[in-house]
Amino acid sequence: MNAPFTPPSAATLVLPDPAQARRRAIWHLLWGISLLALTVMALFSGADVLTLLALMVVALPAVGVFAIQPLPQSPSPWPQPVLPTPVWAVVPWLVCPVVAMAITGGFQGPLSPFVFVPVLGGLALRSPGDERPLVWGLGAAALAAFAGAIAAPLLPRLSDNALLTSGLGLVVLLFGLVAALNTRHTGTVVPLTMARMESALTDQPGLTLVLAPNGRALAAYGAAPPAMDVDALFSEYDGEGGLIEAIHPPDRPAVRAALSRAQAGQPAQVRFTPRAALDRRVLLVVRRMQGDSRRIAALMLDATLQHARESELDQARAEAEAQVLARSRFIAYLSHELRTPLNAVLGFSEMMKSQLVGPLSDRYIDYASSIHTAGSHLLDVIGNVLDVSRIDADRYELHREDIDARDLADAAMALVRVQADEKAIDLSADLPDETLLVHVDRRAFKQILVNLLSNAVKFTPANGQIELAARREDNAMVLTVKDNGIGIAPEDLARLGRPFEQAGDAKQKAQGTGLGLSLARSLAELHDGTLTLESTLGEGTTATLRIPAF
């Protein structure tokens, strides 16, 4: 249905019969004309006044109902609610014949055939699924017969009029046959539940199909996607259904495979290009119908806009990946080019500090020490940048080996102990007595520990404490670096771990580049591990590294 559907009180819908209202109106009009003709005949045959009055009384309902009959509606291809016959249209047909029988002597009077008139009205006014007018007509006929029997002894006997009685009987018989045959509804009666289902399927934005296994359509409901000819789907070409024929040839194998999976009981969906419009895309969702392995239920939707959006996203993703790769290659190339002259700077500054080529003044020795320290820091930064770029470009290769994690922990602590001693920080370790074997890249794992310990030393004030602990837990090695330093604010904690992200004020940010923690987390993930941070501002930070262990 195109209009909003309001469920009727009856349990059926009817495919409209455009001629029914017209036939019913003509029936009422002819009935009224016939009775008026009988009235004229009775007048010229010398009938009494009561007989004439009774004929006009019985004619009134037909004329009245004809006058208010609804106009014929335009044809509709969809079932419509069954509207019950109004009571006001039925009551006159029941009351007027009873009154006519009562005032004309009942069965002994000339209008005795009127006992069947309520049945005629019930036949003419009944509707599909609503037989109440007929039931009421039968009841009124019985009431008319009873009224006629009661009234016969009480009313004066009217003169017999065989012509009027026989004519009236013939009219009643004729209109009874017409009412029974011509006024019955010829439209298709549809169960309400089925009509609701068909209405929902027809009004849906997609196309619902019932398919044979070869792709031939057996039924179709709803709106077809553009470039799909629904009528052609019901055809068959060389043993295959019209659906396969309507698909661009390169996409046909995928559709055939989806139909095969659906027939085997596995829901499937596939996107294809219509042969009639190669710039469009259609999404087909199929599954086997329950209780019938030879039928496949399918839903067809227009997926052109979705395909265009996905294509744009794929293109944007490819461009972004290309930019990231280009940036990583550039950084790797630049870092490599910087390391060569920087190594020379470090070498010459080390020679100057050691006064290998001759004595220098204390001021120049301090300058050489500052140059060496700054160069070492810059070399570390370049190394971190190079490692990050290699990881981003998926070019970082791990050379795993079985190593005792305690040995790597001792080596990392030895590298940062000088920095810790300069700030009088108590650097301690809590390592197990038994071997803690891990399968890792020696350099990468050591880099993780050094970065975590260096961060702890940087952000722990003088006379602070740092503890490195390791333990085995559920086939994993859990290593923690805990300090009582300045801590990290909650709003900064979520950001840390991404390249060049730093926390704290400007003074704190000046102590690092924001690459150490990011590199440590990336290296941990390359080892199928995790690195998490827990911190309270002003109380300290705990970094937890979890790596699979033997």
Protein backbone atom coordinates (compact mmCIF):
# COMPACT_ATOMS: atom_id res chain seq x y z
CA MET A 1 0.00 0.00 0.00
CA ASN A 2 1.13 3.49 -0.76
CA ALA A 3 -0.94 5.18 1.95
CA PRO A 4 -0.36 4.70 5.68
CA PHE A 5 -1.93 1.44 6.72
CA THR A 6 -4.47 1.41 9.55
CA PRO A 7 -5.31 -2.14 10.66
CA PRO A 8 -9.06 -2.78 10.31
CA SER A 9 -11.15 -4.53 12.91
CA ALA A 10 -11.76 -7.43 10.52
CA ALA A 11 -9.06 -10.02 9.98
CA THR A 12 -9.03 -9.73 6.17
CA LEU A 13 -8.17 -7.32 3.40
CA VAL A 14 -9.77 -7.33 -0.04
CA LEU A 15 -8.39 -6.61 -3.45
CA PRO A 16 -10.82 -3.86 -4.52
CA ASP A 17 -13.53 -4.61 -7.10
CA PRO A 18 -14.15 -1.25 -8.81
CA ALA A 19 -17.53 -2.38 -10.21
CA GLN A 20 -19.04 -3.49 -6.91
CA ALA A 21 -20.23 -0.07 -5.70
CA ARG A 22 -21.71 0.62 -9.12
CA ARG A 23 -23.52 -2.72 -9.22
CA ARG A 24 -24.91 -2.22 -5.71
CA ALA A 25 -26.15 1.28 -6.58
CA ILE A 26 -27.84 0.04 -9.77
CA TRP A 27 -29.43 -2.83 -7.83
CA HIS A 28 -30.97 -0.43 -5.30
CA LEU A 29 -32.15 1.90 -8.05
CA LEU A 30 -33.83 -0.88 -10.04
CA TRP A 31 -35.45 -2.27 -6.88
CA GLY A 32 -36.95 1.11 -6.11
CA ILE A 33 -38.13 1.56 -9.71
CA SER A 34 -39.69 -1.91 -9.74
CA LEU A 35 -41.66 -1.22 -6.57
CA LEU A 36 -42.81 2.14 -7.89
CA ALA A 37 -43.98 0.37 -11.05
CA LEU A 38 -45.85 -2.15 -8.92
CA THR A 39 -47.40 0.75 -7.01
CA VAL A 40 -48.65 2.27 -10.26
CA MET A 41 -49.99 -1.15 -11.32
CA ALA A 42 -51.73 -1.58 -7.97
CA LEU A 43 -53.25 1.90 -8.29
CA PHE A 44 -54.81 1.12 -11.67
CA SER A 45 -55.92 -2.33 -10.52
CA GLY A 46 -58.00 -0.84 -7.73
CA ALA A 47 -55.80 -1.74 -4.75
CA ASP A 48 -56.68 -0.24 -1.41
CA VAL A 49 -54.76 2.55 0.30
CA LEU A 50 -52.90 0.29 2.76
CA THR A 51 -51.48 -1.78 -0.10
CA LEU A 52 -50.26 1.35 -1.91
CA LEU A 53 -48.76 2.72 1.31
CA ALA A 54 -46.99 -0.58 2.03
CA LEU A 55 -45.44 -0.64 -1.45
CA MET A 56 -44.08 2.86 -1.04
CA VAL A 57 -42.75 2.04 2.45
CA VAL A 58 -40.75 -0.92 1.11
CA ALA A 59 -39.45 1.19 -1.81
CA LEU A 60 -38.12 3.95 0.46
CA PRO A 61 -35.04 2.04 1.79
CA ALA A 62 -33.83 1.26 -1.73
CA VAL A 63 -34.18 4.87 -2.88
CA GLY A 64 -32.54 6.20 0.30
CA VAL A 65 -29.60 3.78 0.21
CA PHE A 66 -29.05 4.53 -3.49
CA ALA A 67 -28.91 8.25 -2.79
CA ILE A 68 -26.11 7.91 -0.25
CA GLN A 69 -24.10 5.16 -1.96
CA PRO A 70 -20.35 6.04 -2.08
CA LEU A 71 -18.97 6.92 -5.48
CA PRO A 72 -16.84 4.26 -7.19
CA GLN A 73 -13.21 4.53 -6.13
CA SER A 74 -10.24 4.51 -8.48
CA PRO A 75 -8.75 1.04 -8.96
CA SER A 76 -6.00 0.05 -6.51
CA PRO A 77 -3.59 -2.85 -7.00
CA TRP A 78 -3.31 -3.38 -3.25
CA PRO A 79 -5.68 -5.02 -0.76
CA GLN A 80 -7.80 -2.59 1.22
CA PRO A 81 -9.40 -2.96 4.68
CA VAL A 82 -12.83 -4.58 4.75
CA LEU A 83 -15.29 -1.89 5.86
CA PRO A 84 -18.36 -3.30 7.60
CA THR A 85 -21.75 -2.33 6.19
CA PRO A 86 -23.20 0.62 8.13
CA VAL A 87 -26.09 -0.23 10.41
CA TRP A 88 -28.17 2.67 9.06
CA ALA A 89 -28.11 1.02 5.63
CA VAL A 90 -29.30 -2.34 6.97
CA VAL A 91 -32.03 -1.32 9.43
CA PRO A 92 -34.48 0.09 6.81
CA TRP A 93 -34.31 -3.17 4.92
CA LEU A 94 -35.23 -5.02 8.09
CA VAL A 95 -37.94 -2.72 9.46
CA CYS A 96 -39.87 -1.63 6.35
CA PRO A 97 -40.87 -5.13 5.17
CA VAL A 98 -42.04 -6.01 8.68
CA VAL A 99 -44.22 -2.88 8.74
CA ALA A 100 -45.59 -3.66 5.25
CA MET A 101 -46.46 -7.21 6.27
CA ALA A 102 -48.16 -6.01 9.44
CA ILE A 103 -50.44 -3.44 7.77
CA THR A 104 -51.46 -5.57 4.77
CA GLY A 105 -52.89 -8.63 6.52
CA GLY A 106 -49.76 -10.74 6.90
CA PHE A 107 -49.67 -13.92 4.86
CA GLN A 108 -53.32 -13.45 3.90
CA GLY A 109 -52.65 -10.08 2.30
CA PRO A 110 -51.54 -9.29 -1.26
CA LEU A 111 -47.94 -8.40 -0.19
CA SER A 112 -47.03 -11.73 1.41
CA PRO A 113 -43.86 -12.10 -0.79
CA PHE A 114 -42.37 -9.21 1.25
CA VAL A 115 -41.43 -11.78 3.88
CA PHE A 116 -38.33 -12.49 1.76
CA VAL A 117 -37.32 -8.84 1.25
CA PRO A 118 -35.04 -8.63 4.36
CA VAL A 119 -33.08 -11.57 2.97
CA LEU A 120 -32.64 -9.66 -0.31
CA GLY A 121 -31.31 -6.64 1.57
CA GLY A 122 -28.91 -8.79 3.56
CA LEU A 123 -27.57 -10.37 0.36
CA ALA A 124 -27.15 -7.00 -1.32
CA LEU A 125 -25.41 -5.32 1.62
CA ARG A 126 -23.10 -8.06 2.82
CA SER A 127 -19.34 -7.59 2.43
CA PRO A 128 -16.43 -10.06 2.26
CA GLY A 129 -15.65 -11.14 5.77
CA ASP A 130 -18.79 -9.36 7.06
CA GLU A 131 -21.89 -11.54 6.71
CA ARG A 132 -23.83 -9.77 9.45
CA PRO A 133 -26.35 -8.09 7.07
CA LEU A 134 -27.37 -11.50 5.72
CA VAL A 135 -27.79 -12.88 9.24
CA TRP A 136 -29.83 -9.85 10.21
CA GLY A 137 -31.92 -10.25 7.05
CA LEU A 138 -32.74 -13.82 7.90
CA GLY A 139 -33.75 -12.74 11.40
CA ALA A 140 -35.89 -9.91 10.04
CA ALA A 141 -37.58 -12.32 7.59
CA ALA A 142 -38.47 -14.54 10.50
CA LEU A 143 -39.77 -11.48 12.35
CA ALA A 144 -41.83 -10.46 9.30
CA ALA A 145 -43.33 -13.93 9.10
CA PHE A 146 -44.17 -13.76 12.79
CA ALA A 147 -45.65 -10.27 12.40
CA GLY A 148 -47.69 -11.42 9.44
CA ALA A 149 -49.04 -14.38 11.39
CA ILE A 150 -49.97 -12.21 14.38
CA ALA A 151 -51.47 -9.39 12.32
CA ALA A 152 -53.68 -11.61 10.14
CA PRO A 153 -56.48 -12.14 12.70
CA LEU A 154 -56.36 -8.56 13.95
CA LEU A 155 -56.53 -6.60 10.69
CA PRO A 156 -59.41 -6.53 8.23
CA ARG A 157 -58.89 -8.83 5.29
CA LEU A 158 -57.85 -6.90 2.22
CA SER A 159 -59.11 -7.72 -1.22
CA ASP A 160 -57.11 -10.33 -3.07
CA ASN A 161 -55.06 -9.07 -5.98
CA ALA A 162 -53.54 -12.08 -7.74
CA LEU A 163 -51.84 -9.92 -10.37
CA LEU A 164 -50.12 -7.79 -7.74
CA THR A 165 -49.13 -10.76 -5.63
CA SER A 166 -47.72 -12.75 -8.53
CA GLY A 167 -45.92 -9.70 -9.94
CA LEU A 168 -44.48 -8.92 -6.56
CA GLY A 169 -43.38 -12.54 -6.13
CA LEU A 170 -41.68 -12.51 -9.51
CA VAL A 171 -39.81 -9.26 -8.69
CA VAL A 172 -38.71 -10.62 -5.32
CA LEU A 173 -37.50 -13.85 -6.92
CA LEU A 174 -35.66 -12.03 -9.69
CA PHE A 175 -33.95 -9.56 -7.36
CA GLY A 176 -33.10 -12.36 -4.97
CA LEU A 177 -31.14 -14.10 -7.71
CA VAL A 178 -29.47 -10.83 -8.74
CA ALA A 179 -28.58 -10.04 -5.12
CA ALA A 180 -27.13 -13.48 -4.59
CA LEU A 181 -25.08 -13.52 -7.82
CA ASN A 182 -24.32 -10.01 -8.96
CA THR A 183 -23.82 -8.14 -5.72
CA ARG A 184 -21.38 -10.59 -4.18
CA HIS A 185 -17.79 -9.36 -3.99
CA THR A 186 -15.53 -10.70 -6.72
CA GLY A 187 -12.27 -9.32 -5.37
CA THR A 188 -9.57 -11.47 -3.85
CA VAL A 189 -9.75 -11.85 -0.09
CA VAL A 190 -6.29 -11.65 1.47
CA PRO A 191 -5.49 -12.58 5.10
CA LEU A 192 -4.56 -9.49 7.08
CA THR A 193 -1.16 -10.82 8.17
CA MET A 194 -0.20 -11.62 4.59
CA ALA A 195 -1.37 -8.21 3.41
CA ARG A 196 0.71 -6.49 6.07
CA MET A 197 3.75 -8.51 5.08
CA GLU A 198 3.32 -7.79 1.37
CA SER A 199 2.75 -4.11 2.12
CA ALA A 200 5.97 -3.92 4.16
CA LEU A 201 7.95 -5.76 1.48
CA THR A 202 6.57 -3.61 -1.31
CA ASP A 203 7.26 -0.31 0.45
CA GLN A 204 10.82 -1.15 1.53
CA PRO A 205 13.71 0.82 -0.02
CA GLY A 206 15.51 -2.34 -1.21
CA LEU A 207 14.48 -5.23 -3.44
CA THR A 208 13.58 -8.53 -1.78
CA LEU A 209 13.81 -11.57 -4.05
CA VAL A 210 13.00 -15.24 -3.88
CA LEU A 211 15.58 -16.95 -6.10
CA ALA A 212 16.08 -20.37 -7.56
CA PRO A 213 19.59 -21.82 -7.04
CA ASN A 214 20.56 -20.79 -10.59
CA GLY A 215 19.71 -17.12 -9.90
CA ARG A 216 16.30 -16.94 -11.56
CA ALA A 217 13.84 -14.75 -9.66
CA LEU A 218 10.64 -16.42 -8.47
CA ALA A 219 9.18 -13.42 -6.64
CA ALA A 220 10.17 -9.78 -6.17
CA TYR A 221 9.04 -7.10 -3.72
CA GLY A 222 10.17 -3.53 -3.17
CA ALA A 223 12.20 -0.98 -5.08
CA ALA A 224 14.98 -2.27 -7.34
CA PRO A 225 18.39 -0.52 -7.31
CA PRO A 226 19.08 1.68 -10.33
CA ALA A 227 20.14 -0.15 -13.49
CA MET A 228 18.46 -3.40 -12.35
CA ASP A 229 15.56 -4.57 -14.54
CA VAL A 230 13.24 -6.58 -12.28
CA ASP A 231 11.36 -8.18 -15.17
CA ALA A 232 14.61 -9.49 -16.66
CA LEU A 233 15.44 -11.23 -13.35
CA PHE A 234 12.56 -13.65 -13.96
CA SER A 235 14.09 -14.81 -17.24
CA GLU A 236 16.48 -17.70 -17.80
CA TYR A 237 19.46 -17.80 -20.16
CA ASP A 238 21.43 -20.96 -20.96
CA GLY A 239 20.39 -22.61 -17.71
CA GLU A 240 21.20 -19.60 -15.54
CA GLY A 241 18.76 -17.11 -14.11
CA GLY A 242 18.33 -13.51 -15.11
CA LEU A 243 20.21 -12.30 -12.03
CA ILE A 244 23.48 -13.77 -13.34
CA GLU A 245 22.82 -12.30 -16.78
CA ALA A 246 22.29 -8.82 -15.26
CA ILE A 247 25.74 -8.82 -13.60
CA HIS A 248 28.98 -7.60 -15.13
CA PRO A 249 30.85 -10.78 -16.23
CA PRO A 250 33.93 -10.34 -13.98
CA ASP A 251 31.64 -10.30 -10.91
CA ARG A 252 29.57 -13.36 -11.86
CA PRO A 253 31.83 -15.99 -10.22
CA ALA A 254 31.56 -14.21 -6.86
CA VAL A 255 27.74 -14.09 -7.12
CA ARG A 256 27.57 -17.77 -8.11
CA ALA A 257 29.75 -18.63 -5.11
CA ALA A 258 27.48 -16.60 -2.80
CA LEU A 259 24.39 -18.43 -4.13
CA SER A 260 26.13 -21.79 -3.59
CA ARG A 261 27.02 -20.88 -0.01
CA ALA A 262 23.46 -19.75 0.64
CA GLN A 263 22.02 -22.98 -0.74
CA ALA A 264 24.41 -24.90 1.55
CA GLY A 265 22.94 -23.06 4.53
CA GLN A 266 25.61 -20.39 4.96
CA PRO A 267 24.45 -16.75 4.72
CA ALA A 268 26.55 -14.75 2.29
CA GLN A 269 26.80 -11.30 0.81
CA VAL A 270 28.56 -9.98 -2.25
CA ARG A 271 28.88 -6.67 -4.05
CA PHE A 272 28.68 -6.61 -7.83
CA THR A 273 28.54 -4.24 -10.78
CA PRO A 274 25.36 -4.25 -12.90
CA ARG A 275 26.03 -4.97 -16.54
CA ALA A 276 23.75 -2.09 -17.56
CA ALA A 277 25.65 0.53 -15.50
CA LEU A 278 29.32 -0.13 -14.79
CA ASP A 279 29.59 2.98 -12.61
CA ARG A 280 27.14 1.61 -10.03
CA ARG A 281 27.41 -1.06 -7.34
CA VAL A 282 24.75 -3.36 -5.87
CA LEU A 283 24.95 -5.24 -2.55
CA LEU A 284 23.35 -8.70 -2.59
CA VAL A 285 22.65 -10.52 0.70
CA VAL A 286 21.46 -14.13 0.34
CA ARG A 287 20.45 -16.97 2.61
CA ARG A 288 18.54 -20.22 2.22
CA MET A 289 14.83 -20.10 3.01
CA GLN A 290 13.82 -22.16 6.01
CA GLY A 291 12.08 -25.38 5.12
CA ASP A 292 12.85 -25.11 1.39
CA SER A 293 16.39 -25.88 0.24
CA ARG A 294 15.46 -25.05 -3.37
CA ARG A 295 14.67 -21.41 -2.61
CA ILE A 296 17.01 -18.60 -1.66
CA ALA A 297 15.91 -15.36 0.01
CA ALA A 298 17.85 -12.36 -1.25
CA LEU A 299 18.01 -8.66 -0.44
CA MET A 300 19.37 -6.28 -3.07
CA LEU A 301 20.45 -2.74 -2.11
CA ASP A 302 22.10 0.11 -3.97
CA ALA A 303 25.70 0.32 -2.71
CA THR A 304 27.02 2.93 -5.14
CA LEU A 305 27.42 5.68 -2.55
CA GLN A 306 29.00 3.31 -0.05
CA HIS A 307 31.42 2.04 -2.71
CA ALA A 308 32.37 5.61 -3.63
CA ARG A 309 33.03 6.49 0.01
CA GLU A 310 35.13 3.37 0.52
CA SER A 311 37.10 4.15 -2.63
CA GLU A 312 37.77 7.66 -1.33
CA LEU A 313 38.86 6.26 2.03
CA ASP A 314 41.13 3.70 0.37
CA GLN A 315 42.69 6.41 -1.74
CA ALA A 316 43.14 8.69 1.26
CA ARG A 317 44.62 5.84 3.28
CA ALA A 318 47.02 4.96 0.47
CA GLU A 319 48.10 8.60 0.20
CA ALA A 320 48.57 8.85 3.97
CA GLU A 321 50.61 5.63 4.04
CA ALA A 322 52.71 6.93 1.17
CA GLN A 323 53.33 10.18 3.03
CA VAL A 324 54.27 8.33 6.23
CA LEU A 325 56.60 6.06 4.29
CA ALA A 326 58.17 9.02 2.52
CA ARG A 327 58.62 10.84 5.82
CA SER A 328 60.15 7.79 7.46
CA ARG A 329 62.54 7.29 4.56
CA PHE A 330 63.49 10.96 4.67
CA ILE A 331 64.14 10.82 8.41
CA ALA A 332 66.14 7.62 8.04
CA TYR A 333 68.23 9.14 5.25
CA LEU A 334 68.74 12.41 7.13
CA SER A 335 69.65 10.60 10.35
CA HIS A 336 72.19 8.49 8.52
CA GLU A 337 73.75 11.56 6.91
CA LEU A 338 73.95 13.34 10.29
CA ARG A 339 75.57 10.49 12.14
CA THR A 340 78.71 10.46 10.00
CA PRO A 341 79.85 14.06 10.71
CA LEU A 342 78.56 13.81 14.27
CA ASN A 343 80.81 10.84 14.94
CA ALA A 344 83.70 12.96 13.75
CA VAL A 345 82.70 15.76 16.13
CA LEU A 346 82.55 13.29 19.02
CA GLY A 347 85.89 11.80 18.12
CA PHE A 348 87.70 15.14 17.92
CA SER A 349 86.07 16.43 21.12
CA GLU A 350 87.15 13.23 22.91
CA MET A 351 90.74 13.78 21.67
CA MET A 352 90.65 17.38 22.87
CA LYS A 353 89.35 16.34 26.30
CA SER A 354 92.12 13.79 26.59
CA GLN A 355 94.74 16.30 25.30
CA LEU A 356 96.16 13.68 22.94
CA VAL A 357 97.69 16.30 20.60
CA GLY A 358 98.98 18.62 23.27
CA PRO A 359 97.98 20.48 26.40
CA LEU A 360 94.92 22.75 26.46
CA SER A 361 93.74 25.31 28.94
CA ASP A 362 91.05 24.37 31.43
CA ARG A 363 88.51 26.52 29.59
CA TYR A 364 89.05 24.69 26.29
CA ILE A 365 88.88 21.33 28.07
CA ASP A 366 85.47 22.38 29.47
CA TYR A 367 84.39 23.43 25.97
CA ALA A 368 85.47 20.06 24.59
CA SER A 369 83.57 18.27 27.37
CA SER A 370 80.42 20.29 26.60
CA ILE A 371 80.78 19.56 22.89
CA HIS A 372 81.18 15.85 23.61
CA THR A 373 78.18 15.79 25.96
CA ALA A 374 75.95 17.70 23.53
CA GLY A 375 77.13 15.54 20.64
CA SER A 376 76.43 12.34 22.58
CA HIS A 377 72.94 13.56 23.39
CA LEU A 378 72.35 14.49 19.76
CA LEU A 379 73.62 11.10 18.63
CA ASP A 380 71.18 9.39 21.00
CA VAL A 381 68.34 11.51 19.64
CA ILE A 382 69.27 10.70 16.06
CA GLY A 383 69.47 7.02 16.94
CA ASN A 384 66.01 7.15 18.48
CA VAL A 385 64.60 9.01 15.47
CA LEU A 386 66.15 6.45 13.16
CA ASP A 387 64.69 3.55 15.14
CA VAL A 388 61.21 5.17 15.23
CA SER A 389 61.27 5.78 11.48
CA ARG A 390 62.36 2.19 10.83
CA ILE A 391 59.52 0.89 13.00
CA ASP A 392 56.98 3.14 11.24
CA ALA A 393 58.20 1.87 7.87
CA ASP A 394 58.05 -1.78 9.05
CA ARG A 395 61.77 -2.10 8.40
CA TYR A 396 62.92 -2.81 11.94
CA GLU A 397 64.17 -6.38 12.07
CA LEU A 398 64.45 -8.26 15.34
CA HIS A 399 67.21 -10.79 15.86
CA ARG A 400 65.79 -12.83 18.70
CA GLU A 401 67.79 -15.10 20.95
CA ASP A 402 67.32 -16.76 24.33
CA ILE A 403 68.69 -14.41 26.96
CA ASP A 404 68.57 -14.21 30.72
CA ALA A 405 66.63 -11.00 31.42
CA ARG A 406 68.65 -10.45 34.60
CA ASP A 407 71.86 -9.95 32.56
CA LEU A 408 70.22 -7.29 30.37
CA ALA A 409 68.79 -5.58 33.45
CA ASP A 410 72.27 -5.38 35.03
CA ALA A 411 73.76 -3.98 31.81
CA ALA A 412 71.07 -1.31 31.51
CA MET A 413 71.53 -0.25 35.15
CA ALA A 414 75.27 0.07 34.59
CA LEU A 415 74.65 2.52 31.73
CA VAL A 416 72.47 4.87 33.78
CA ARG A 417 74.21 4.49 37.13
CA VAL A 418 76.58 7.40 36.46
CA GLN A 419 73.62 9.74 35.86
CA ALA A 420 71.91 8.42 39.01
CA ASP A 421 75.03 8.88 41.12
CA GLU A 422 75.37 12.49 39.95
CA LYS A 423 71.91 13.19 41.50
CA ALA A 424 72.54 10.94 44.53
CA ILE A 425 69.62 8.71 43.46
CA ASP A 426 69.40 5.30 45.08
CA LEU A 427 69.25 2.90 42.09
CA SER A 428 68.42 -0.65 43.18
CA ALA A 429 67.29 -3.93 41.62
CA ASP A 430 65.01 -6.72 42.82
CA LEU A 431 65.76 -9.66 40.52
CA PRO A 432 64.89 -13.35 41.08
CA ASP A 433 67.59 -15.90 41.91
CA GLU A 434 66.54 -18.32 39.16
CA THR A 435 67.11 -17.74 35.46
CA LEU A 436 64.50 -15.53 33.77
CA LEU A 437 64.76 -16.64 30.16
CA VAL A 438 63.23 -14.46 27.42
CA HIS A 439 63.34 -14.74 23.61
CA VAL A 440 64.12 -11.19 22.55
CA ASP A 441 66.39 -8.99 20.47
CA ARG A 442 69.31 -8.17 22.76
CA ARG A 443 69.82 -4.61 21.53
CA ALA A 444 66.11 -3.73 21.42
CA PHE A 445 65.36 -5.16 24.86
CA LYS A 446 68.32 -3.36 26.35
CA GLN A 447 67.14 -0.14 24.66
CA ILE A 448 63.73 -0.51 26.35
CA LEU A 449 65.30 -0.85 29.80
CA VAL A 450 67.74 2.00 29.25
CA ASN A 451 64.96 4.34 28.08
CA LEU A 452 62.75 3.51 31.06
CA LEU A 453 65.59 3.93 33.56
CA SER A 454 66.82 7.15 31.90
CA ASN A 455 63.32 8.65 32.10
CA ALA A 456 63.12 7.70 35.76
CA VAL A 457 66.50 9.35 36.48
CA LYS A 458 65.56 12.52 34.55
CA PHE A 459 62.31 13.10 36.42
CA THR A 460 63.36 11.96 39.89
CA PRO A 461 64.78 14.73 42.11
CA ALA A 462 68.09 14.42 44.00
CA ASN A 463 68.24 11.82 46.76
CA GLY A 464 65.29 9.99 45.23
CA GLN A 465 64.81 6.25 44.76
CA ILE A 466 64.45 4.07 41.66
CA GLU A 467 63.85 0.33 41.78
CA LEU A 468 64.05 -2.13 38.90
CA ALA A 469 62.17 -5.37 39.62
CA ALA A 470 61.53 -8.47 37.53
CA ARG A 471 59.43 -11.59 38.06
CA ARG A 472 57.79 -14.44 36.18
CA GLU A 473 54.00 -14.33 35.96
CA ASP A 474 51.77 -16.65 33.85
CA ASN A 475 54.38 -17.54 31.18
CA ALA A 476 55.44 -13.93 30.97
CA MET A 477 58.27 -11.81 32.28
CA VAL A 478 57.01 -8.74 34.13
CA LEU A 479 59.54 -5.97 34.67
CA THR A 480 58.76 -2.76 36.55
CA VAL A 481 60.69 0.49 36.92
CA LYS A 482 59.37 2.42 39.91
CA ASP A 483 60.47 5.87 41.04
CA ASN A 484 59.34 8.48 43.56
CA GLY A 485 59.80 11.39 41.19
CA ILE A 486 57.54 14.23 40.10
CA GLY A 487 54.89 11.95 38.57
CA ILE A 488 52.59 12.58 35.62
CA ALA A 489 49.25 14.39 35.57
CA PRO A 490 46.21 12.28 34.54
CA GLU A 491 45.52 14.46 31.48
CA ASP A 492 49.11 13.88 30.27
CA LEU A 493 49.22 10.16 31.00
CA ALA A 494 46.96 9.23 28.06
CA ARG A 495 49.16 11.14 25.58
CA LEU A 496 52.49 9.74 26.57
CA GLY A 497 53.84 6.95 24.44
CA ARG A 498 53.25 8.73 21.13
CA PRO A 499 56.27 10.20 19.28
CA PHE A 500 57.35 13.68 20.50
CA GLU A 501 54.66 13.78 23.20
CA GLN A 502 55.90 15.22 26.50
CA ALA A 503 54.36 16.01 29.87
CA GLY A 504 54.95 18.64 32.49
CA ASP A 505 56.06 22.24 32.23
CA ALA A 506 58.63 23.75 29.87
CA LYS A 507 61.51 22.92 32.21
CA GLN A 508 60.54 19.27 32.31
CA LYS A 509 60.02 19.10 28.53
CA ALA A 510 63.50 20.53 27.97
CA GLN A 511 65.00 17.40 29.56
CA GLY A 512 63.93 15.11 26.70
CA THR A 513 62.56 14.83 23.18
CA GLY A 514 59.48 12.67 23.75
CA LEU A 515 60.95 9.77 21.78
CA GLY A 516 62.30 7.52 24.53
CA LEU A 517 58.97 6.27 25.87
CA SER A 518 57.45 6.01 22.40
CA LEU A 519 60.39 3.92 21.18
CA ALA A 520 60.24 1.69 24.26
CA ARG A 521 56.53 1.03 23.73
CA SER A 522 56.99 0.30 20.01
CA LEU A 523 59.85 -2.12 20.71
CA ALA A 524 57.77 -3.85 23.39
CA GLU A 525 54.91 -4.33 20.91
CA LEU A 526 57.35 -5.75 18.34
CA HIS A 527 58.14 -8.41 20.96
CA ASP A 528 54.39 -9.15 21.38
CA GLY A 529 54.55 -7.40 24.73
CA THR A 530 52.97 -4.38 26.39
CA LEU A 531 54.22 -1.30 28.21
CA THR A 532 51.90 0.53 30.62
CA LEU A 533 52.30 3.52 32.91
CA GLU A 534 50.80 4.23 36.30
CA SER A 535 51.53 7.54 37.95
CA THR A 536 50.39 9.94 40.65
CA LEU A 537 51.38 13.58 40.33
CA GLY A 538 53.97 14.44 42.97
CA GLU A 539 54.40 10.84 44.16
CA GLY A 540 56.10 8.96 41.33
CA THR A 541 55.62 6.72 38.31
CA THR A 542 55.66 2.98 37.71
CA ALA A 543 56.35 1.61 34.21
CA THR A 544 55.36 -2.05 33.71
CA LEU A 545 56.81 -4.10 30.84
CA ARG A 546 55.26 -7.52 30.08
CA ILE A 547 57.10 -9.80 27.63
CA PRO A 548 56.35 -13.49 26.83
CA ALA A 549 58.91 -15.70 28.59
CA PHE A 550 59.87 -19.37 28.61
